[in-house]
Amino acid sequence: MAIASNSLIASLLISLLLLHLAEADHLLQENTNCGWACLWRCVSSKRPNLCNQACGSCCAQCNCVPPGTSGNYEACPCYATLKTHNGKRKCP
């Protein structure tokens, strides 16, 4: 009986985790919420505050953020084309 209830609880927790991940992925794909998309984009940055600021500015202009923590610029071409005054990529 205890094994069955532990399995049920584990299955429930895994289901909730998968639901949460699917919901987060949906937010990143639609990019309707720049704050959450940029937080995820900048989660592994060495300078997360600066990364979030730049990402937020780019998201406001492009209305999209590429998925993942780096790369994937083909998912949001506008985001990839924004440059600084020095000609460097503006968006993280």
PDB file of N, CA and C in Angstrom:
ATOM      1  N   MET A   1       0.819  -1.190   0.000  1.00  0.00           N
ATOM      2  CA  MET A   1       0.000   0.000   0.000  1.00  0.00           C
ATOM      3  C   MET A   1       0.871   1.265   0.000  1.00  0.00           C
ATOM      4  N   ALA A   2       1.939   1.258   0.816  1.00  0.00           N
ATOM      5  CA  ALA A   2       2.807   2.427   0.889  1.00  0.00           C
ATOM      6  C   ALA A   2       3.532   2.666  -0.426  1.00  0.00           C
ATOM      7  N   ILE A   3       3.917   1.582  -1.102  1.00  0.00           N
ATOM      8  CA  ILE A   3       4.601   1.714  -2.384  1.00  0.00           C
ATOM      9  C   ILE A   3       3.663   2.333  -3.418  1.00  0.00           C
ATOM     10  N   ALA A   4       2.406   1.937  -3.411  1.00  0.00           N
ATOM     11  CA  ALA A   4       1.421   2.464  -4.359  1.00  0.00           C
ATOM     12  C   ALA A   4       1.197   3.949  -4.123  1.00  0.00           C
ATOM     13  N   SER A   5       1.097   4.370  -2.859  1.00  0.00           N
ATOM     14  CA  SER A   5       0.864   5.790  -2.587  1.00  0.00           C
ATOM     15  C   SER A   5       2.115   6.612  -2.925  1.00  0.00           C
ATOM     16  N   ASN A   6       3.309   6.058  -2.689  1.00  0.00           N
ATOM     17  CA  ASN A   6       4.536   6.761  -3.070  1.00  0.00           C
ATOM     18  C   ASN A   6       4.626   6.917  -4.586  1.00  0.00           C
ATOM     19  N   SER A   7       4.220   5.889  -5.309  1.00  0.00           N
ATOM     20  CA  SER A   7       4.227   5.962  -6.771  1.00  0.00           C
ATOM     21  C   SER A   7       3.232   6.996  -7.266  1.00  0.00           C
ATOM     22  N   LEU A   8       2.082   7.048  -6.618  1.00  0.00           N
ATOM     23  CA  LEU A   8       1.063   8.029  -6.994  1.00  0.00           C
ATOM     24  C   LEU A   8       1.558   9.446  -6.750  1.00  0.00           C
ATOM     25  N   ILE A   9       2.178   9.668  -5.612  1.00  0.00           N
ATOM     26  CA  ILE A   9       2.715  10.994  -5.288  1.00  0.00           C
ATOM     27  C   ILE A   9       3.836  11.363  -6.258  1.00  0.00           C
ATOM     28  N   ALA A  10       4.718  10.428  -6.558  1.00  0.00           N
ATOM     29  CA  ALA A  10       5.800  10.698  -7.506  1.00  0.00           C
ATOM     30  C   ALA A  10       5.244  11.022  -8.884  1.00  0.00           C
ATOM     31  N   SER A  11       4.237  10.275  -9.324  1.00  0.00           N
ATOM     32  CA  SER A  11       3.619  10.532 -10.627  1.00  0.00           C
ATOM     33  C   SER A  11       2.965  11.908 -10.657  1.00  0.00           C
ATOM     34  N   LEU A  12       2.305  12.278  -9.580  1.00  0.00           N
ATOM     35  CA  LEU A  12       1.657  13.582  -9.488  1.00  0.00           C
ATOM     36  C   LEU A  12       2.691  14.707  -9.546  1.00  0.00           C
ATOM     37  N   LEU A  13       3.785  14.555  -8.814  1.00  0.00           N
ATOM     38  CA  LEU A  13       4.838  15.575  -8.825  1.00  0.00           C
ATOM     39  C   LEU A  13       5.488  15.709 -10.198  1.00  0.00           C
ATOM     40  N   ILE A  14       5.737  14.591 -10.842  1.00  0.00           N
ATOM     41  CA  ILE A  14       6.320  14.633 -12.188  1.00  0.00           C
ATOM     42  C   ILE A  14       5.354  15.298 -13.157  1.00  0.00           C
ATOM     43  N   SER A  15       4.074  14.996 -13.044  1.00  0.00           N
ATOM     44  CA  SER A  15       3.068  15.613 -13.915  1.00  0.00           C
ATOM     45  C   SER A  15       3.023  17.117 -13.712  1.00  0.00           C
ATOM     46  N   LEU A  16       3.064  17.554 -12.456  1.00  0.00           N
ATOM     47  CA  LEU A  16       3.060  18.997 -12.173  1.00  0.00           C
ATOM     48  C   LEU A  16       4.313  19.676 -12.717  1.00  0.00           C
ATOM     49  N   LEU A  17       5.450  19.013 -12.585  1.00  0.00           N
ATOM     50  CA  LEU A  17       6.695  19.565 -13.112  1.00  0.00           C
ATOM     51  C   LEU A  17       6.630  19.698 -14.633  1.00  0.00           C
ATOM     52  N   LEU A  18       6.142  18.667 -15.305  1.00  0.00           N
ATOM     53  CA  LEU A  18       6.017  18.718 -16.765  1.00  0.00           C
ATOM     54  C   LEU A  18       5.038  19.801 -17.199  1.00  0.00           C
ATOM     55  N   LEU A  19       3.949  19.955 -16.473  1.00  0.00           N
ATOM     56  CA  LEU A  19       2.988  21.003 -16.780  1.00  0.00           C
ATOM     57  C   LEU A  19       3.619  22.375 -16.626  1.00  0.00           C
ATOM     58  N   HIS A  20       4.396  22.550 -15.551  1.00  0.00           N
ATOM     59  CA  HIS A  20       5.083  23.819 -15.321  1.00  0.00           C
ATOM     60  C   HIS A  20       6.094  24.108 -16.432  1.00  0.00           C
ATOM     61  N   LEU A  21       6.856  23.112 -16.838  1.00  0.00           N
ATOM     62  CA  LEU A  21       7.833  23.302 -17.914  1.00  0.00           C
ATOM     63  C   LEU A  21       7.154  23.615 -19.238  1.00  0.00           C
ATOM     64  N   ALA A  22       6.044  22.965 -19.520  1.00  0.00           N
ATOM     65  CA  ALA A  22       5.310  23.227 -20.757  1.00  0.00           C
ATOM     66  C   ALA A  22       4.755  24.648 -20.758  1.00  0.00           C
ATOM     67  N   GLU A  23       4.283  25.094 -19.601  1.00  0.00           N
ATOM     68  CA  GLU A  23       3.754  26.449 -19.494  1.00  0.00           C
ATOM     69  C   GLU A  23       4.874  27.476 -19.687  1.00  0.00           C
ATOM     70  N   ALA A  24       6.050  27.225 -19.105  1.00  0.00           N
ATOM     71  CA  ALA A  24       7.191  28.123 -19.260  1.00  0.00           C
ATOM     72  C   ALA A  24       7.637  28.167 -20.716  1.00  0.00           C
ATOM     73  N   ASP A  25       7.667  27.018 -21.380  1.00  0.00           N
ATOM     74  CA  ASP A  25       8.039  26.970 -22.791  1.00  0.00           C
ATOM     75  C   ASP A  25       7.042  27.746 -23.637  1.00  0.00           C
ATOM     76  N   HIS A  26       5.768  27.635 -23.296  1.00  0.00           N
ATOM     77  CA  HIS A  26       4.729  28.366 -24.024  1.00  0.00           C
ATOM     78  C   HIS A  26       4.952  29.870 -23.893  1.00  0.00           C
ATOM     79  N   LEU A  27       5.301  30.328 -22.688  1.00  0.00           N
ATOM     80  CA  LEU A  27       5.577  31.749 -22.491  1.00  0.00           C
ATOM     81  C   LEU A  27       6.764  32.194 -23.331  1.00  0.00           C
ATOM     82  N   LEU A  28       7.795  31.377 -23.375  1.00  0.00           N
ATOM     83  CA  LEU A  28       8.973  31.749 -24.158  1.00  0.00           C
ATOM     84  C   LEU A  28       8.686  31.750 -25.648  1.00  0.00           C
ATOM     85  N   GLN A  29       7.859  30.821 -26.105  1.00  0.00           N
ATOM     86  CA  GLN A  29       7.547  30.751 -27.529  1.00  0.00           C
ATOM     87  C   GLN A  29       6.693  31.931 -27.963  1.00  0.00           C
ATOM     88  N   GLU A  30       5.698  32.298 -27.170  1.00  0.00           N
ATOM     89  CA  GLU A  30       4.839  33.423 -27.538  1.00  0.00           C
ATOM     90  C   GLU A  30       5.521  34.751 -27.274  1.00  0.00           C
ATOM     91  N   ASN A  31       6.418  34.759 -26.280  1.00  0.00           N
ATOM     92  CA  ASN A  31       7.164  35.961 -25.928  1.00  0.00           C
ATOM     93  C   ASN A  31       6.267  37.157 -25.636  1.00  0.00           C
ATOM     94  N   THR A  32       5.117  36.902 -25.020  1.00  0.00           N
ATOM     95  CA  THR A  32       4.233  37.984 -24.661  1.00  0.00           C
ATOM     96  C   THR A  32       4.668  38.637 -23.369  1.00  0.00           C
ATOM     97  N   ASN A  33       5.536  38.010 -22.631  1.00  0.00           N
ATOM     98  CA  ASN A  33       5.985  38.532 -21.362  1.00  0.00           C
ATOM     99  C   ASN A  33       7.501  38.655 -21.392  1.00  0.00           C
ATOM    100  N   CYS A  34       7.980  39.836 -21.733  1.00  0.00           N
ATOM    101  CA  CYS A  34       9.425  40.045 -21.859  1.00  0.00           C
ATOM    102  C   CYS A  34      10.169  39.754 -20.562  1.00  0.00           C
ATOM    103  N   GLY A  35       9.587  40.106 -19.431  1.00  0.00           N
ATOM    104  CA  GLY A  35      10.263  39.914 -18.153  1.00  0.00           C
ATOM    105  C   GLY A  35      10.633  38.469 -17.897  1.00  0.00           C
ATOM    106  N   TRP A  36       9.667  37.556 -18.043  1.00  0.00           N
ATOM    107  CA  TRP A  36       9.935  36.145 -17.793  1.00  0.00           C
ATOM    108  C   TRP A  36      10.857  35.565 -18.859  1.00  0.00           C
ATOM    109  N   ALA A  37      10.630  35.950 -20.101  1.00  0.00           N
ATOM    110  CA  ALA A  37      11.474  35.438 -21.181  1.00  0.00           C
ATOM    111  C   ALA A  37      12.927  35.880 -20.979  1.00  0.00           C
ATOM    112  N   CYS A  38      13.117  37.124 -20.567  1.00  0.00           N
ATOM    113  CA  CYS A  38      14.474  37.631 -20.350  1.00  0.00           C
ATOM    114  C   CYS A  38      15.109  37.033 -19.096  1.00  0.00           C
ATOM    115  N   LEU A  39      14.304  36.812 -18.055  1.00  0.00           N
ATOM    116  CA  LEU A  39      14.857  36.153 -16.871  1.00  0.00           C
ATOM    117  C   LEU A  39      15.406  34.784 -17.233  1.00  0.00           C
ATOM    118  N   TRP A  40      14.673  34.048 -18.035  1.00  0.00           N
ATOM    119  CA  TRP A  40      15.134  32.719 -18.455  1.00  0.00           C
ATOM    120  C   TRP A  40      16.354  32.855 -19.364  1.00  0.00           C
ATOM    121  N   ARG A  41      16.321  33.817 -20.277  1.00  0.00           N
ATOM    122  CA  ARG A  41      17.429  34.018 -21.210  1.00  0.00           C
ATOM    123  C   ARG A  41      18.718  34.344 -20.458  1.00  0.00           C
ATOM    124  N   CYS A  42      18.607  35.095 -19.365  1.00  0.00           N
ATOM    125  CA  CYS A  42      19.783  35.597 -18.652  1.00  0.00           C
ATOM    126  C   CYS A  42      20.130  34.807 -17.395  1.00  0.00           C
ATOM    127  N   VAL A  43      19.484  33.680 -17.173  1.00  0.00           N
ATOM    128  CA  VAL A  43      19.663  32.927 -15.940  1.00  0.00           C
ATOM    129  C   VAL A  43      21.106  32.471 -15.738  1.00  0.00           C
ATOM    130  N   SER A  44      21.846  32.201 -16.784  1.00  0.00           N
ATOM    131  CA  SER A  44      23.226  31.725 -16.617  1.00  0.00           C
ATOM    132  C   SER A  44      24.265  32.795 -16.971  1.00  0.00           C
ATOM    133  N   SER A  45      23.819  34.030 -17.114  1.00  0.00           N
ATOM    134  CA  SER A  45      24.729  35.118 -17.457  1.00  0.00           C
ATOM    135  C   SER A  45      25.645  35.460 -16.276  1.00  0.00           C
ATOM    136  N   LYS A  46      26.854  35.914 -16.591  1.00  0.00           N
ATOM    137  CA  LYS A  46      27.774  36.359 -15.543  1.00  0.00           C
ATOM    138  C   LYS A  46      27.314  37.691 -14.957  1.00  0.00           C
ATOM    139  N   ARG A  47      26.584  38.477 -15.753  1.00  0.00           N
ATOM    140  CA  ARG A  47      26.062  39.771 -15.318  1.00  0.00           C
ATOM    141  C   ARG A  47      24.557  39.802 -15.593  1.00  0.00           C
ATOM    142  N   PRO A  48      23.764  39.114 -14.763  1.00  0.00           N
ATOM    143  CA  PRO A  48      22.336  38.966 -15.046  1.00  0.00           C
ATOM    144  C   PRO A  48      21.560  40.277 -15.094  1.00  0.00           C
ATOM    145  N   ASN A  49      21.911  41.266 -14.276  1.00  0.00           N
ATOM    146  CA  ASN A  49      21.176  42.539 -14.306  1.00  0.00           C
ATOM    147  C   ASN A  49      21.372  43.257 -15.635  1.00  0.00           C
ATOM    148  N   LEU A  50      22.602  43.300 -16.100  1.00  0.00           N
ATOM    149  CA  LEU A  50      22.902  43.929 -17.385  1.00  0.00           C
ATOM    150  C   LEU A  50      22.247  43.152 -18.527  1.00  0.00           C
ATOM    151  N   CYS A  51      22.309  41.836 -18.446  1.00  0.00           N
ATOM    152  CA  CYS A  51      21.694  40.975 -19.456  1.00  0.00           C
ATOM    153  C   CYS A  51      20.186  41.215 -19.514  1.00  0.00           C
ATOM    154  N   ASN A  52      19.515  41.265 -18.343  1.00  0.00           N
ATOM    155  CA  ASN A  52      18.073  41.496 -18.304  1.00  0.00           C
ATOM    156  C   ASN A  52      17.699  42.856 -18.871  1.00  0.00           C
ATOM    157  N   GLN A  53      18.510  43.856 -18.589  1.00  0.00           N
ATOM    158  CA  GLN A  53      18.245  45.199 -19.099  1.00  0.00           C
ATOM    159  C   GLN A  53      18.336  45.220 -20.630  1.00  0.00           C
ATOM    160  N   ALA A  54      19.398  44.650 -21.171  1.00  0.00           N
ATOM    161  CA  ALA A  54      19.573  44.612 -22.625  1.00  0.00           C
ATOM    162  C   ALA A  54      18.496  43.753 -23.276  1.00  0.00           C
ATOM    163  N   CYS A  55      18.210  42.620 -22.689  1.00  0.00           N
ATOM    164  CA  CYS A  55      17.191  41.721 -23.234  1.00  0.00           C
ATOM    165  C   CYS A  55      15.821  42.395 -23.228  1.00  0.00           C
ATOM    166  N   GLY A  56      15.487  43.087 -22.135  1.00  0.00           N
ATOM    167  CA  GLY A  56      14.205  43.782 -22.044  1.00  0.00           C
ATOM    168  C   GLY A  56      14.063  44.849 -23.104  1.00  0.00           C
ATOM    169  N   SER A  57      15.146  45.586 -23.357  1.00  0.00           N
ATOM    170  CA  SER A  57      15.131  46.609 -24.399  1.00  0.00           C
ATOM    171  C   SER A  57      14.923  45.988 -25.778  1.00  0.00           C
ATOM    172  N   CYS A  58      15.611  44.893 -26.027  1.00  0.00           N
ATOM    173  CA  CYS A  58      15.484  44.202 -27.317  1.00  0.00           C
ATOM    174  C   CYS A  58      14.091  43.599 -27.476  1.00  0.00           C
ATOM    175  N   CYS A  59      13.572  43.012 -26.420  1.00  0.00           N
ATOM    176  CA  CYS A  59      12.247  42.399 -26.471  1.00  0.00           C
ATOM    177  C   CYS A  59      11.174  43.464 -26.721  1.00  0.00           C
ATOM    178  N   ALA A  60      11.330  44.625 -26.098  1.00  0.00           N
ATOM    179  CA  ALA A  60      10.364  45.705 -26.300  1.00  0.00           C
ATOM    180  C   ALA A  60      10.343  46.156 -27.764  1.00  0.00           C
ATOM    181  N   GLN A  61      11.494  46.171 -28.407  1.00  0.00           N
ATOM    182  CA  GLN A  61      11.571  46.572 -29.811  1.00  0.00           C
ATOM    183  C   GLN A  61      11.102  45.472 -30.749  1.00  0.00           C
ATOM    184  N   CYS A  62      11.448  44.246 -30.438  1.00  0.00           N
ATOM    185  CA  CYS A  62      11.185  43.132 -31.358  1.00  0.00           C
ATOM    186  C   CYS A  62       9.948  42.314 -30.999  1.00  0.00           C
ATOM    187  N   ASN A  63       9.501  42.423 -29.756  1.00  0.00           N
ATOM    188  CA  ASN A  63       8.365  41.655 -29.263  1.00  0.00           C
ATOM    189  C   ASN A  63       8.626  40.151 -29.315  1.00  0.00           C
ATOM    190  N   CYS A  64       9.881  39.776 -29.163  1.00  0.00           N
ATOM    191  CA  CYS A  64      10.241  38.358 -29.092  1.00  0.00           C
ATOM    192  C   CYS A  64      11.610  38.215 -28.447  1.00  0.00           C
ATOM    193  N   VAL A  65      11.844  37.021 -27.892  1.00  0.00           N
ATOM    194  CA  VAL A  65      13.128  36.652 -27.298  1.00  0.00           C
ATOM    195  C   VAL A  65      13.417  35.231 -27.757  1.00  0.00           C
ATOM    196  N   PRO A  66      14.607  34.963 -28.282  1.00  0.00           N
ATOM    197  CA  PRO A  66      14.919  33.590 -28.699  1.00  0.00           C
ATOM    198  C   PRO A  66      14.849  32.622 -27.524  1.00  0.00           C
ATOM    199  N   PRO A  67      14.447  31.386 -27.748  1.00  0.00           N
ATOM    200  CA  PRO A  67      14.375  30.415 -26.665  1.00  0.00           C
ATOM    201  C   PRO A  67      15.766  30.007 -26.192  1.00  0.00           C
ATOM    202  N   GLY A  68      15.852  29.541 -24.968  1.00  0.00           N
ATOM    203  CA  GLY A  68      17.119  29.076 -24.422  1.00  0.00           C
ATOM    204  C   GLY A  68      17.901  30.189 -23.769  1.00  0.00           C
ATOM    205  N   THR A  69      19.073  29.852 -23.256  1.00  0.00           N
ATOM    206  CA  THR A  69      19.897  30.836 -22.554  1.00  0.00           C
ATOM    207  C   THR A  69      20.918  31.517 -23.456  1.00  0.00           C
ATOM    208  N   SER A  70      21.099  31.015 -24.670  1.00  0.00           N
ATOM    209  CA  SER A  70      21.992  31.668 -25.634  1.00  0.00           C
ATOM    210  C   SER A  70      21.708  31.119 -27.029  1.00  0.00           C
ATOM    211  N   GLY A  71      22.179  31.853 -28.023  1.00  0.00           N
ATOM    212  CA  GLY A  71      21.991  31.408 -29.404  1.00  0.00           C
ATOM    213  C   GLY A  71      20.538  31.413 -29.830  1.00  0.00           C
ATOM    214  N   ASN A  72      20.186  30.564 -30.758  1.00  0.00           N
ATOM    215  CA  ASN A  72      18.827  30.414 -31.294  1.00  0.00           C
ATOM    216  C   ASN A  72      18.268  31.710 -31.890  1.00  0.00           C
ATOM    217  N   TYR A  73      19.146  32.556 -32.417  1.00  0.00           N
ATOM    218  CA  TYR A  73      18.713  33.847 -32.943  1.00  0.00           C
ATOM    219  C   TYR A  73      17.781  33.722 -34.138  1.00  0.00           C
ATOM    220  N   GLU A  74      17.816  32.582 -34.835  1.00  0.00           N
ATOM    221  CA  GLU A  74      16.947  32.401 -35.991  1.00  0.00           C
ATOM    222  C   GLU A  74      15.475  32.406 -35.599  1.00  0.00           C
ATOM    223  N   ALA A  75      15.175  32.155 -34.334  1.00  0.00           N
ATOM    224  CA  ALA A  75      13.786  32.154 -33.855  1.00  0.00           C
ATOM    225  C   ALA A  75      13.238  33.574 -33.725  1.00  0.00           C
ATOM    226  N   CYS A  76      14.113  34.554 -33.677  1.00  0.00           N
ATOM    227  CA  CYS A  76      13.703  35.958 -33.545  1.00  0.00           C
ATOM    228  C   CYS A  76      14.690  36.823 -34.330  1.00  0.00           C
ATOM    229  N   PRO A  77      14.538  36.908 -35.649  1.00  0.00           N
ATOM    230  CA  PRO A  77      15.505  37.619 -36.483  1.00  0.00           C
ATOM    231  C   PRO A  77      15.728  39.083 -36.085  1.00  0.00           C
ATOM    232  N   CYS A  78      14.672  39.775 -35.681  1.00  0.00           N
ATOM    233  CA  CYS A  78      14.810  41.171 -35.264  1.00  0.00           C
ATOM    234  C   CYS A  78      15.775  41.281 -34.092  1.00  0.00           C
ATOM    235  N   TYR A  79      15.652  40.390 -33.143  1.00  0.00           N
ATOM    236  CA  TYR A  79      16.485  40.363 -31.943  1.00  0.00           C
ATOM    237  C   TYR A  79      17.954  40.214 -32.326  1.00  0.00           C
ATOM    238  N   ALA A  80      18.208  39.435 -33.346  1.00  0.00           N
ATOM    239  CA  ALA A  80      19.576  39.170 -33.783  1.00  0.00           C
ATOM    240  C   ALA A  80      20.193  40.340 -34.549  1.00  0.00           C
ATOM    241  N   THR A  81      19.364  41.187 -35.153  1.00  0.00           N
ATOM    242  CA  THR A  81      19.902  42.262 -35.995  1.00  0.00           C
ATOM    243  C   THR A  81      20.204  43.548 -35.239  1.00  0.00           C
ATOM    244  N   LEU A  82      19.714  43.688 -34.011  1.00  0.00           N
ATOM    245  CA  LEU A  82      19.965  44.921 -33.265  1.00  0.00           C
ATOM    246  C   LEU A  82      21.434  44.986 -32.861  1.00  0.00           C
ATOM    247  N   LYS A  83      22.066  46.129 -33.127  1.00  0.00           N
ATOM    248  CA  LYS A  83      23.497  46.313 -32.853  1.00  0.00           C
ATOM    249  C   LYS A  83      23.719  47.547 -31.979  1.00  0.00           C
ATOM    250  N   THR A  84      24.842  47.570 -31.258  1.00  0.00           N
ATOM    251  CA  THR A  84      25.241  48.742 -30.477  1.00  0.00           C
ATOM    252  C   THR A  84      25.894  49.753 -31.421  1.00  0.00           C
ATOM    253  N   HIS A  85      26.288  50.892 -30.876  1.00  0.00           N
ATOM    254  CA  HIS A  85      26.971  51.909 -31.689  1.00  0.00           C
ATOM    255  C   HIS A  85      28.311  51.398 -32.215  1.00  0.00           C
ATOM    256  N   ASN A  86      28.887  50.432 -31.515  1.00  0.00           N
ATOM    257  CA  ASN A  86      30.179  49.854 -31.927  1.00  0.00           C
ATOM    258  C   ASN A  86      30.014  48.722 -32.928  1.00  0.00           C
ATOM    259  N   GLY A  87      28.774  48.417 -33.295  1.00  0.00           N
ATOM    260  CA  GLY A  87      28.528  47.347 -34.255  1.00  0.00           C
ATOM    261  C   GLY A  87      28.469  45.957 -33.644  1.00  0.00           C
ATOM    262  N   LYS A  88      28.499  45.886 -32.306  1.00  0.00           N
ATOM    263  CA  LYS A  88      28.400  44.597 -31.632  1.00  0.00           C
ATOM    264  C   LYS A  88      26.933  44.246 -31.431  1.00  0.00           C
ATOM    265  N   ARG A  89      26.658  42.962 -31.257  1.00  0.00           N
ATOM    266  CA  ARG A  89      25.295  42.507 -31.009  1.00  0.00           C
ATOM    267  C   ARG A  89      24.784  43.098 -29.696  1.00  0.00           C
ATOM    268  N   LYS A  90      23.636  43.770 -29.742  1.00  0.00           N
ATOM    269  CA  LYS A  90      23.073  44.413 -28.575  1.00  0.00           C
ATOM    270  C   LYS A  90      22.380  43.434 -27.642  1.00  0.00           C
ATOM    271  N   CYS A  91      21.742  42.456 -28.222  1.00  0.00           N
ATOM    272  CA  CYS A  91      20.875  41.561 -27.452  1.00  0.00           C
ATOM    273  C   CYS A  91      21.592  40.290 -27.035  1.00  0.00           C
ATOM    274  N   PRO A  92      21.428  39.911 -25.761  1.00  0.00           N
ATOM    275  CA  PRO A  92      22.111  38.708 -25.272  1.00  0.00           C
ATOM    276  C   PRO A  92      21.492  37.427 -25.799  1.00  0.00           C
TER     277      PRO A  92
END
